[in-house]
Amino acid sequence: MPSIRKKDNEDSEKDIFYKTIKPNTLRKNLYKIIDEINRDYRVIYVKGSDDSKSAVLLSKKGFDAFRETYAVLANGQLAASLERENDEFVDIDTMIQEIEGK
């Protein structure tokens, strides 16, 4: 996803889909930030002092989309579909059996 970043006076940087905040900002504004995440479909990066103290917050809907995308990529369905993209005739039942390993 392309980044369109500009300086954010509240914390460090933000773009259309991504915003970086400090843990104290999250603590003070948790419910407001949850509303923002769901309303604007934005991902929030909570920047701690190092990676072990940092986190990423996203909406339930965004998390479900991420899981679905990961599952499609991990199980080979996308690759199998792309291999058949230019086939003149594809038997869907045969394709499903091949994907499922039957």
PDB file of N, CA and C in Angstrom:
ATOM      1  N   MET A   1       0.848  -1.165   0.000  1.00  0.00           N
ATOM      2  CA  MET A   1       0.000   0.000   0.000  1.00  0.00           C
ATOM      3  C   MET A   1       0.898   1.234   0.000  1.00  0.00           C
ATOM      4  N   PRO A   2       0.711   2.179  -0.936  1.00  0.00           N
ATOM      5  CA  PRO A   2       1.562   3.355  -0.981  1.00  0.00           C
ATOM      6  C   PRO A   2       1.338   4.236   0.240  1.00  0.00           C
ATOM      7  N   SER A   3       2.391   4.858   0.675  1.00  0.00           N
ATOM      8  CA  SER A   3       2.303   5.712   1.846  1.00  0.00           C
ATOM      9  C   SER A   3       2.251   7.172   1.418  1.00  0.00           C
ATOM     10  N   ILE A   4       1.299   7.897   1.944  1.00  0.00           N
ATOM     11  CA  ILE A   4       1.166   9.325   1.675  1.00  0.00           C
ATOM     12  C   ILE A   4       1.319  10.000   3.024  1.00  0.00           C
ATOM     13  N   ARG A   5       2.549  10.173   3.454  1.00  0.00           N
ATOM     14  CA  ARG A   5       2.798  10.643   4.814  1.00  0.00           C
ATOM     15  C   ARG A   5       2.933  12.146   4.891  1.00  0.00           C
ATOM     16  N   LYS A   6       2.504  12.667   6.005  1.00  0.00           N
ATOM     17  CA  LYS A   6       2.714  14.060   6.324  1.00  0.00           C
ATOM     18  C   LYS A   6       2.904  14.142   7.831  1.00  0.00           C
ATOM     19  N   LYS A   7       3.468  15.210   8.296  1.00  0.00           N
ATOM     20  CA  LYS A   7       3.709  15.341   9.723  1.00  0.00           C
ATOM     21  C   LYS A   7       2.395  15.495  10.477  1.00  0.00           C
ATOM     22  N   ASP A   8       2.316  14.844  11.612  1.00  0.00           N
ATOM     23  CA  ASP A   8       1.156  14.908  12.495  1.00  0.00           C
ATOM     24  C   ASP A   8       1.595  15.643  13.755  1.00  0.00           C
ATOM     25  N   ASN A   9       0.971  16.747  14.070  1.00  0.00           N
ATOM     26  CA  ASN A   9       1.367  17.528  15.239  1.00  0.00           C
ATOM     27  C   ASN A   9       1.177  16.766  16.536  1.00  0.00           C
ATOM     28  N   GLU A  10       0.203  15.844  16.596  1.00  0.00           N
ATOM     29  CA  GLU A  10      -0.076  15.123  17.834  1.00  0.00           C
ATOM     30  C   GLU A  10       1.053  14.164  18.189  1.00  0.00           C
ATOM     31  N   ASP A  11       1.536  13.398  17.230  1.00  0.00           N
ATOM     32  CA  ASP A  11       2.604  12.454  17.488  1.00  0.00           C
ATOM     33  C   ASP A  11       3.624  12.554  16.363  1.00  0.00           C
ATOM     34  N   SER A  12       3.999  11.438  15.742  1.00  0.00           N
ATOM     35  CA  SER A  12       5.067  11.530  14.757  1.00  0.00           C
ATOM     36  C   SER A  12       4.560  11.708  13.346  1.00  0.00           C
ATOM     37  N   GLU A  13       4.067  10.646  12.699  1.00  0.00           N
ATOM     38  CA  GLU A  13       3.687  10.765  11.302  1.00  0.00           C
ATOM     39  C   GLU A  13       2.362  10.082  11.057  1.00  0.00           C
ATOM     40  N   LYS A  14       1.696  10.472   9.987  1.00  0.00           N
ATOM     41  CA  LYS A  14       0.458   9.796   9.645  1.00  0.00           C
ATOM     42  C   LYS A  14       0.253   9.884   8.146  1.00  0.00           C
ATOM     43  N   ASP A  15      -0.537   8.986   7.638  1.00  0.00           N
ATOM     44  CA  ASP A  15      -0.983   9.043   6.264  1.00  0.00           C
ATOM     45  C   ASP A  15      -2.454   8.663   6.254  1.00  0.00           C
ATOM     46  N   ILE A  16      -2.986   8.373   5.106  1.00  0.00           N
ATOM     47  CA  ILE A  16      -4.415   8.094   5.003  1.00  0.00           C
ATOM     48  C   ILE A  16      -4.824   6.852   5.789  1.00  0.00           C
ATOM     49  N   PHE A  17      -3.986   5.814   5.793  1.00  0.00           N
ATOM     50  CA  PHE A  17      -4.356   4.525   6.395  1.00  0.00           C
ATOM     51  C   PHE A  17      -3.558   4.183   7.648  1.00  0.00           C
ATOM     52  N   TYR A  18      -2.590   4.958   7.999  1.00  0.00           N
ATOM     53  CA  TYR A  18      -1.631   4.569   9.020  1.00  0.00           C
ATOM     54  C   TYR A  18      -1.302   5.772   9.891  1.00  0.00           C
ATOM     55  N   LYS A  19      -1.251   5.554  11.186  1.00  0.00           N
ATOM     56  CA  LYS A  19      -0.922   6.630  12.110  1.00  0.00           C
ATOM     57  C   LYS A  19      -0.032   6.076  13.211  1.00  0.00           C
ATOM     58  N   THR A  20       0.985   6.805  13.574  1.00  0.00           N
ATOM     59  CA  THR A  20       1.873   6.419  14.665  1.00  0.00           C
ATOM     60  C   THR A  20       1.541   7.267  15.891  1.00  0.00           C
ATOM     61  N   ILE A  21       1.378   6.595  17.023  1.00  0.00           N
ATOM     62  CA  ILE A  21       1.126   7.311  18.273  1.00  0.00           C
ATOM     63  C   ILE A  21       2.028   6.735  19.368  1.00  0.00           C
ATOM     64  N   LYS A  22       2.107   7.463  20.457  1.00  0.00           N
ATOM     65  CA  LYS A  22       2.878   7.018  21.619  1.00  0.00           C
ATOM     66  C   LYS A  22       1.950   6.271  22.581  1.00  0.00           C
ATOM     67  N   PRO A  23       2.505   5.357  23.391  1.00  0.00           N
ATOM     68  CA  PRO A  23       1.663   4.623  24.346  1.00  0.00           C
ATOM     69  C   PRO A  23       0.837   5.530  25.264  1.00  0.00           C
ATOM     70  N   ASN A  24       1.402   6.647  25.690  1.00  0.00           N
ATOM     71  CA  ASN A  24       0.649   7.561  26.565  1.00  0.00           C
ATOM     72  C   ASN A  24      -0.577   8.124  25.863  1.00  0.00           C
ATOM     73  N   THR A  25      -0.452   8.411  24.556  1.00  0.00           N
ATOM     74  CA  THR A  25      -1.592   8.905  23.782  1.00  0.00           C
ATOM     75  C   THR A  25      -2.684   7.842  23.712  1.00  0.00           C
ATOM     76  N   LEU A  26      -2.283   6.590  23.506  1.00  0.00           N
ATOM     77  CA  LEU A  26      -3.248   5.491  23.481  1.00  0.00           C
ATOM     78  C   LEU A  26      -3.945   5.367  24.829  1.00  0.00           C
ATOM     79  N   ARG A  27      -3.190   5.413  25.888  1.00  0.00           N
ATOM     80  CA  ARG A  27      -3.743   5.267  27.232  1.00  0.00           C
ATOM     81  C   ARG A  27      -4.772   6.368  27.523  1.00  0.00           C
ATOM     82  N   LYS A  28      -4.461   7.590  27.127  1.00  0.00           N
ATOM     83  CA  LYS A  28      -5.344   8.724  27.407  1.00  0.00           C
ATOM     84  C   LYS A  28      -6.597   8.732  26.531  1.00  0.00           C
ATOM     85  N   ASN A  29      -6.497   8.165  25.316  1.00  0.00           N
ATOM     86  CA  ASN A  29      -7.569   8.309  24.330  1.00  0.00           C
ATOM     87  C   ASN A  29      -8.047   6.978  23.765  1.00  0.00           C
ATOM     88  N   LEU A  30      -8.029   5.919  24.548  1.00  0.00           N
ATOM     89  CA  LEU A  30      -8.307   4.581  24.035  1.00  0.00           C
ATOM     90  C   LEU A  30      -9.630   4.500  23.279  1.00  0.00           C
ATOM     91  N   TYR A  31     -10.714   4.943  23.863  1.00  0.00           N
ATOM     92  CA  TYR A  31     -12.024   4.800  23.219  1.00  0.00           C
ATOM     93  C   TYR A  31     -12.130   5.672  21.970  1.00  0.00           C
ATOM     94  N   LYS A  32     -11.555   6.858  22.009  1.00  0.00           N
ATOM     95  CA  LYS A  32     -11.530   7.737  20.841  1.00  0.00           C
ATOM     96  C   LYS A  32     -10.730   7.075  19.708  1.00  0.00           C
ATOM     97  N   ILE A  33      -9.619   6.459  20.023  1.00  0.00           N
ATOM     98  CA  ILE A  33      -8.779   5.804  19.024  1.00  0.00           C
ATOM     99  C   ILE A  33      -9.486   4.575  18.450  1.00  0.00           C
ATOM    100  N   ILE A  34     -10.171   3.808  19.292  1.00  0.00           N
ATOM    101  CA  ILE A  34     -10.948   2.660  18.784  1.00  0.00           C
ATOM    102  C   ILE A  34     -12.010   3.150  17.805  1.00  0.00           C
ATOM    103  N   ASP A  35     -12.690   4.230  18.128  1.00  0.00           N
ATOM    104  CA  ASP A  35     -13.683   4.803  17.209  1.00  0.00           C
ATOM    105  C   ASP A  35     -13.025   5.225  15.894  1.00  0.00           C
ATOM    106  N   GLU A  36     -11.869   5.865  15.989  1.00  0.00           N
ATOM    107  CA  GLU A  36     -11.144   6.326  14.796  1.00  0.00           C
ATOM    108  C   GLU A  36     -10.735   5.155  13.907  1.00  0.00           C
ATOM    109  N   ILE A  37     -10.241   4.098  14.532  1.00  0.00           N
ATOM    110  CA  ILE A  37      -9.823   2.911  13.780  1.00  0.00           C
ATOM    111  C   ILE A  37     -10.993   2.337  12.995  1.00  0.00           C
ATOM    112  N   ASN A  38     -12.133   2.229  13.624  1.00  0.00           N
ATOM    113  CA  ASN A  38     -13.317   1.666  12.965  1.00  0.00           C
ATOM    114  C   ASN A  38     -13.953   2.626  11.960  1.00  0.00           C
ATOM    115  N   ARG A  39     -13.970   3.891  12.273  1.00  0.00           N
ATOM    116  CA  ARG A  39     -14.584   4.887  11.384  1.00  0.00           C
ATOM    117  C   ARG A  39     -13.749   5.117  10.119  1.00  0.00           C
ATOM    118  N   ASP A  40     -12.446   5.270  10.283  1.00  0.00           N
ATOM    119  CA  ASP A  40     -11.570   5.657   9.171  1.00  0.00           C
ATOM    120  C   ASP A  40     -10.824   4.486   8.550  1.00  0.00           C
ATOM    121  N   TYR A  41     -11.078   3.277   9.058  1.00  0.00           N
ATOM    122  CA  TYR A  41     -10.377   2.079   8.581  1.00  0.00           C
ATOM    123  C   TYR A  41      -8.870   2.310   8.607  1.00  0.00           C
ATOM    124  N   ARG A  42      -8.400   2.848   9.711  1.00  0.00           N
ATOM    125  CA  ARG A  42      -6.999   3.221   9.870  1.00  0.00           C
ATOM    126  C   ARG A  42      -6.284   2.210  10.765  1.00  0.00           C
ATOM    127  N   VAL A  43      -5.017   2.002  10.504  1.00  0.00           N
ATOM    128  CA  VAL A  43      -4.164   1.168  11.340  1.00  0.00           C
ATOM    129  C   VAL A  43      -3.361   2.111  12.238  1.00  0.00           C
ATOM    130  N   ILE A  44      -3.286   1.783  13.507  1.00  0.00           N
ATOM    131  CA  ILE A  44      -2.546   2.597  14.467  1.00  0.00           C
ATOM    132  C   ILE A  44      -1.309   1.820  14.914  1.00  0.00           C
ATOM    133  N   TYR A  45      -0.148   2.444  14.766  1.00  0.00           N
ATOM    134  CA  TYR A  45       1.112   1.863  15.251  1.00  0.00           C
ATOM    135  C   TYR A  45       1.446   2.555  16.560  1.00  0.00           C
ATOM    136  N   VAL A  46       1.477   1.782  17.637  1.00  0.00           N
ATOM    137  CA  VAL A  46       1.831   2.315  18.951  1.00  0.00           C
ATOM    138  C   VAL A  46       3.328   2.099  19.113  1.00  0.00           C
ATOM    139  N   LYS A  47       4.075   3.190  19.060  1.00  0.00           N
ATOM    140  CA  LYS A  47       5.540   3.121  19.039  1.00  0.00           C
ATOM    141  C   LYS A  47       6.103   3.219  20.454  1.00  0.00           C
ATOM    142  N   GLY A  48       6.541   2.056  20.957  1.00  0.00           N
ATOM    143  CA  GLY A  48       7.206   2.021  22.246  1.00  0.00           C
ATOM    144  C   GLY A  48       8.692   2.301  22.080  1.00  0.00           C
ATOM    145  N   SER A  49       9.447   2.113  23.141  1.00  0.00           N
ATOM    146  CA  SER A  49      10.882   2.396  23.091  1.00  0.00           C
ATOM    147  C   SER A  49      11.642   1.410  22.217  1.00  0.00           C
ATOM    148  N   ASP A  50      11.075   0.204  22.003  1.00  0.00           N
ATOM    149  CA  ASP A  50      11.635  -0.773  21.067  1.00  0.00           C
ATOM    150  C   ASP A  50      10.501  -1.676  20.583  1.00  0.00           C
ATOM    151  N   ASP A  51      10.825  -2.604  19.678  1.00  0.00           N
ATOM    152  CA  ASP A  51       9.777  -3.456  19.097  1.00  0.00           C
ATOM    153  C   ASP A  51       9.030  -4.289  20.127  1.00  0.00           C
ATOM    154  N   SER A  52       9.706  -4.704  21.193  1.00  0.00           N
ATOM    155  CA  SER A  52       9.036  -5.526  22.198  1.00  0.00           C
ATOM    156  C   SER A  52       8.031  -4.724  23.028  1.00  0.00           C
ATOM    157  N   LYS A  53       8.062  -3.401  22.894  1.00  0.00           N
ATOM    158  CA  LYS A  53       7.133  -2.545  23.621  1.00  0.00           C
ATOM    159  C   LYS A  53       6.229  -1.765  22.664  1.00  0.00           C
ATOM    160  N   SER A  54       6.142  -2.241  21.412  1.00  0.00           N
ATOM    161  CA  SER A  54       5.320  -1.602  20.385  1.00  0.00           C
ATOM    162  C   SER A  54       4.196  -2.543  19.975  1.00  0.00           C
ATOM    163  N   ALA A  55       3.176  -1.983  19.329  1.00  0.00           N
ATOM    164  CA  ALA A  55       2.033  -2.796  18.901  1.00  0.00           C
ATOM    165  C   ALA A  55       1.358  -2.136  17.702  1.00  0.00           C
ATOM    166  N   VAL A  56       0.525  -2.921  17.044  1.00  0.00           N
ATOM    167  CA  VAL A  56      -0.280  -2.421  15.935  1.00  0.00           C
ATOM    168  C   VAL A  56      -1.739  -2.671  16.282  1.00  0.00           C
ATOM    169  N   LEU A  57      -2.563  -1.652  16.121  1.00  0.00           N
ATOM    170  CA  LEU A  57      -4.001  -1.772  16.390  1.00  0.00           C
ATOM    171  C   LEU A  57      -4.757  -1.598  15.082  1.00  0.00           C
ATOM    172  N   LEU A  58      -5.709  -2.485  14.839  1.00  0.00           N
ATOM    173  CA  LEU A  58      -6.576  -2.347  13.685  1.00  0.00           C
ATOM    174  C   LEU A  58      -7.961  -2.837  14.053  1.00  0.00           C
ATOM    175  N   SER A  59      -8.922  -2.477  13.232  1.00  0.00           N
ATOM    176  CA  SER A  59     -10.303  -2.848  13.522  1.00  0.00           C
ATOM    177  C   SER A  59     -10.498  -4.354  13.394  1.00  0.00           C
ATOM    178  N   LYS A  60     -11.565  -4.852  13.965  1.00  0.00           N
ATOM    179  CA  LYS A  60     -11.912  -6.270  13.828  1.00  0.00           C
ATOM    180  C   LYS A  60     -12.105  -6.613  12.358  1.00  0.00           C
ATOM    181  N   LYS A  61     -12.772  -5.726  11.638  1.00  0.00           N
ATOM    182  CA  LYS A  61     -12.999  -5.932  10.203  1.00  0.00           C
ATOM    183  C   LYS A  61     -11.662  -5.999   9.452  1.00  0.00           C
ATOM    184  N   GLY A  62     -10.740  -5.119   9.787  1.00  0.00           N
ATOM    185  CA  GLY A  62      -9.417  -5.131   9.167  1.00  0.00           C
ATOM    186  C   GLY A  62      -8.640  -6.384   9.514  1.00  0.00           C
ATOM    187  N   PHE A  63      -8.747  -6.830  10.761  1.00  0.00           N
ATOM    188  CA  PHE A  63      -8.073  -8.048  11.184  1.00  0.00           C
ATOM    189  C   PHE A  63      -8.632  -9.264  10.453  1.00  0.00           C
ATOM    190  N   ASP A  64      -9.966  -9.331  10.316  1.00  0.00           N
ATOM    191  CA  ASP A  64     -10.589 -10.441   9.579  1.00  0.00           C
ATOM    192  C   ASP A  64     -10.122 -10.460   8.129  1.00  0.00           C
ATOM    193  N   ALA A  65     -10.016  -9.277   7.500  1.00  0.00           N
ATOM    194  CA  ALA A  65      -9.541  -9.195   6.112  1.00  0.00           C
ATOM    195  C   ALA A  65      -8.104  -9.664   6.014  1.00  0.00           C
ATOM    196  N   PHE A  66      -7.271  -9.277   6.975  1.00  0.00           N
ATOM    197  CA  PHE A  66      -5.875  -9.724   7.008  1.00  0.00           C
ATOM    198  C   PHE A  66      -5.797 -11.242   7.116  1.00  0.00           C
ATOM    199  N   ARG A  67      -6.577 -11.814   8.021  1.00  0.00           N
ATOM    200  CA  ARG A  67      -6.564 -13.275   8.201  1.00  0.00           C
ATOM    201  C   ARG A  67      -7.015 -13.993   6.942  1.00  0.00           C
ATOM    202  N   GLU A  68      -8.035 -13.478   6.285  1.00  0.00           N
ATOM    203  CA  GLU A  68      -8.524 -14.103   5.059  1.00  0.00           C
ATOM    204  C   GLU A  68      -7.470 -14.034   3.955  1.00  0.00           C
ATOM    205  N   THR A  69      -6.832 -12.883   3.807  1.00  0.00           N
ATOM    206  CA  THR A  69      -5.780 -12.730   2.803  1.00  0.00           C
ATOM    207  C   THR A  69      -4.628 -13.676   3.095  1.00  0.00           C
ATOM    208  N   TYR A  70      -4.219 -13.757   4.343  1.00  0.00           N
ATOM    209  CA  TYR A  70      -3.130 -14.656   4.731  1.00  0.00           C
ATOM    210  C   TYR A  70      -3.495 -16.112   4.427  1.00  0.00           C
ATOM    211  N   ALA A  71      -4.727 -16.501   4.728  1.00  0.00           N
ATOM    212  CA  ALA A  71      -5.163 -17.877   4.482  1.00  0.00           C
ATOM    213  C   ALA A  71      -5.133 -18.203   2.992  1.00  0.00           C
ATOM    214  N   VAL A  72      -5.586 -17.271   2.154  1.00  0.00           N
ATOM    215  CA  VAL A  72      -5.587 -17.499   0.706  1.00  0.00           C
ATOM    216  C   VAL A  72      -4.159 -17.635   0.196  1.00  0.00           C
ATOM    217  N   LEU A  73      -3.266 -16.802   0.679  1.00  0.00           N
ATOM    218  CA  LEU A  73      -1.869 -16.880   0.248  1.00  0.00           C
ATOM    219  C   LEU A  73      -1.185 -18.139   0.769  1.00  0.00           C
ATOM    220  N   ALA A  74      -1.499 -18.523   1.989  1.00  0.00           N
ATOM    221  CA  ALA A  74      -0.828 -19.666   2.613  1.00  0.00           C
ATOM    222  C   ALA A  74      -1.285 -21.008   2.061  1.00  0.00           C
ATOM    223  N   ASN A  75      -2.536 -21.120   1.624  1.00  0.00           N
ATOM    224  CA  ASN A  75      -3.020 -22.432   1.205  1.00  0.00           C
ATOM    225  C   ASN A  75      -2.877 -22.695  -0.296  1.00  0.00           C
ATOM    226  N   GLY A  76      -2.346 -21.747  -1.046  1.00  0.00           N
ATOM    227  CA  GLY A  76      -2.071 -21.977  -2.453  1.00  0.00           C
ATOM    228  C   GLY A  76      -3.228 -21.708  -3.397  1.00  0.00           C
ATOM    229  N   GLN A  77      -4.371 -21.302  -2.892  1.00  0.00           N
ATOM    230  CA  GLN A  77      -5.516 -21.051  -3.766  1.00  0.00           C
ATOM    231  C   GLN A  77      -5.237 -19.945  -4.771  1.00  0.00           C
ATOM    232  N   LEU A  78      -4.595 -18.891  -4.333  1.00  0.00           N
ATOM    233  CA  LEU A  78      -4.316 -17.781  -5.235  1.00  0.00           C
ATOM    234  C   LEU A  78      -3.361 -18.206  -6.342  1.00  0.00           C
ATOM    235  N   ALA A  79      -2.300 -18.910  -5.981  1.00  0.00           N
ATOM    236  CA  ALA A  79      -1.334 -19.368  -6.984  1.00  0.00           C
ATOM    237  C   ALA A  79      -1.996 -20.292  -7.998  1.00  0.00           C
ATOM    238  N   ALA A  80      -2.834 -21.200  -7.533  1.00  0.00           N
ATOM    239  CA  ALA A  80      -3.526 -22.123  -8.430  1.00  0.00           C
ATOM    240  C   ALA A  80      -4.461 -21.362  -9.367  1.00  0.00           C
ATOM    241  N   SER A  81      -5.133 -20.352  -8.842  1.00  0.00           N
ATOM    242  CA  SER A  81      -6.034 -19.546  -9.676  1.00  0.00           C
ATOM    243  C   SER A  81      -5.258 -18.773 -10.734  1.00  0.00           C
ATOM    244  N   LEU A  82      -4.129 -18.210 -10.351  1.00  0.00           N
ATOM    245  CA  LEU A  82      -3.331 -17.439 -11.300  1.00  0.00           C
ATOM    246  C   LEU A  82      -2.734 -18.324 -12.400  1.00  0.00           C
ATOM    247  N   GLU A  83      -2.379 -19.553 -12.057  1.00  0.00           N
ATOM    248  CA  GLU A  83      -1.852 -20.477 -13.062  1.00  0.00           C
ATOM    249  C   GLU A  83      -2.891 -20.757 -14.143  1.00  0.00           C
ATOM    250  N   ARG A  84      -4.137 -20.729 -13.782  1.00  0.00           N
ATOM    251  CA  ARG A  84      -5.221 -21.047 -14.719  1.00  0.00           C
ATOM    252  C   ARG A  84      -5.860 -19.801 -15.332  1.00  0.00           C
ATOM    253  N   GLU A  85      -5.298 -18.655 -15.068  1.00  0.00           N
ATOM    254  CA  GLU A  85      -5.891 -17.399 -15.499  1.00  0.00           C
ATOM    255  C   GLU A  85      -6.151 -17.342 -17.012  1.00  0.00           C
ATOM    256  N   ASN A  86      -5.247 -17.866 -17.817  1.00  0.00           N
ATOM    257  CA  ASN A  86      -5.393 -17.784 -19.270  1.00  0.00           C
ATOM    258  C   ASN A  86      -5.922 -19.061 -19.914  1.00  0.00           C
ATOM    259  N   ASP A  87      -6.326 -20.032 -19.112  1.00  0.00           N
ATOM    260  CA  ASP A  87      -6.909 -21.254 -19.660  1.00  0.00           C
ATOM    261  C   ASP A  87      -8.202 -20.915 -20.396  1.00  0.00           C
ATOM    262  N   GLU A  88      -8.389 -21.542 -21.547  1.00  0.00           N
ATOM    263  CA  GLU A  88      -9.626 -21.316 -22.298  1.00  0.00           C
ATOM    264  C   GLU A  88     -10.808 -21.986 -21.605  1.00  0.00           C
ATOM    265  N   PHE A  89     -10.584 -23.162 -21.037  1.00  0.00           N
ATOM    266  CA  PHE A  89     -11.658 -23.876 -20.369  1.00  0.00           C
ATOM    267  C   PHE A  89     -11.131 -24.406 -19.042  1.00  0.00           C
ATOM    268  N   VAL A  90     -11.840 -24.131 -17.988  1.00  0.00           N
ATOM    269  CA  VAL A  90     -11.468 -24.621 -16.678  1.00  0.00           C
ATOM    270  C   VAL A  90     -12.686 -25.307 -16.070  1.00  0.00           C
ATOM    271  N   ASP A  91     -12.503 -26.560 -15.709  1.00  0.00           N
ATOM    272  CA  ASP A  91     -13.568 -27.295 -15.031  1.00  0.00           C
ATOM    273  C   ASP A  91     -13.420 -27.005 -13.542  1.00  0.00           C
ATOM    274  N   ILE A  92     -14.365 -26.287 -12.986  1.00  0.00           N
ATOM    275  CA  ILE A  92     -14.271 -25.835 -11.599  1.00  0.00           C
ATOM    276  C   ILE A  92     -14.189 -27.000 -10.615  1.00  0.00           C
ATOM    277  N   ASP A  93     -14.895 -28.099 -10.890  1.00  0.00           N
ATOM    278  CA  ASP A  93     -14.839 -29.248  -9.983  1.00  0.00           C
ATOM    279  C   ASP A  93     -13.441 -29.856  -9.956  1.00  0.00           C
ATOM    280  N   THR A  94     -12.813 -29.970 -11.125  1.00  0.00           N
ATOM    281  CA  THR A  94     -11.449 -30.495 -11.200  1.00  0.00           C
ATOM    282  C   THR A  94     -10.482 -29.562 -10.480  1.00  0.00           C
ATOM    283  N   MET A  95     -10.660 -28.270 -10.678  1.00  0.00           N
ATOM    284  CA  MET A  95      -9.794 -27.286 -10.030  1.00  0.00           C
ATOM    285  C   MET A  95      -9.898 -27.372  -8.508  1.00  0.00           C
ATOM    286  N   ILE A  96     -11.102 -27.496  -7.990  1.00  0.00           N
ATOM    287  CA  ILE A  96     -11.291 -27.608  -6.543  1.00  0.00           C
ATOM    288  C   ILE A  96     -10.656 -28.876  -6.011  1.00  0.00           C
ATOM    289  N   GLN A  97     -10.813 -29.980  -6.721  1.00  0.00           N
ATOM    290  CA  GLN A  97     -10.205 -31.260  -6.292  1.00  0.00           C
ATOM    291  C   GLN A  97      -8.683 -31.146  -6.265  1.00  0.00           C
ATOM    292  N   GLU A  98      -8.088 -30.486  -7.243  1.00  0.00           N
ATOM    293  CA  GLU A  98      -6.645 -30.319  -7.280  1.00  0.00           C
ATOM    294  C   GLU A  98      -6.160 -29.465  -6.118  1.00  0.00           C
ATOM    295  N   ILE A  99      -6.893 -28.412  -5.839  1.00  0.00           N
ATOM    296  CA  ILE A  99      -6.512 -27.517  -4.723  1.00  0.00           C
ATOM    297  C   ILE A  99      -6.621 -28.250  -3.397  1.00  0.00           C
ATOM    298  N   GLU A 100      -7.672 -29.013  -3.220  1.00  0.00           N
ATOM    299  CA  GLU A 100      -7.899 -29.722  -1.965  1.00  0.00           C
ATOM    300  C   GLU A 100      -7.071 -30.996  -1.874  1.00  0.00           C
ATOM    301  N   GLY A 101      -6.373 -31.358  -2.954  1.00  0.00           N
ATOM    302  CA  GLY A 101      -5.508 -32.535  -2.932  1.00  0.00           C
ATOM    303  C   GLY A 101      -6.256 -33.844  -3.000  1.00  0.00           C
ATOM    304  N   LYS A 102      -7.407 -33.846  -3.619  1.00  0.00           N
ATOM    305  CA  LYS A 102      -8.199 -35.074  -3.702  1.00  0.00           C
ATOM    306  C   LYS A 102      -7.915 -35.801  -4.992  1.00  0.00           C
TER     307      LYS A 102
END
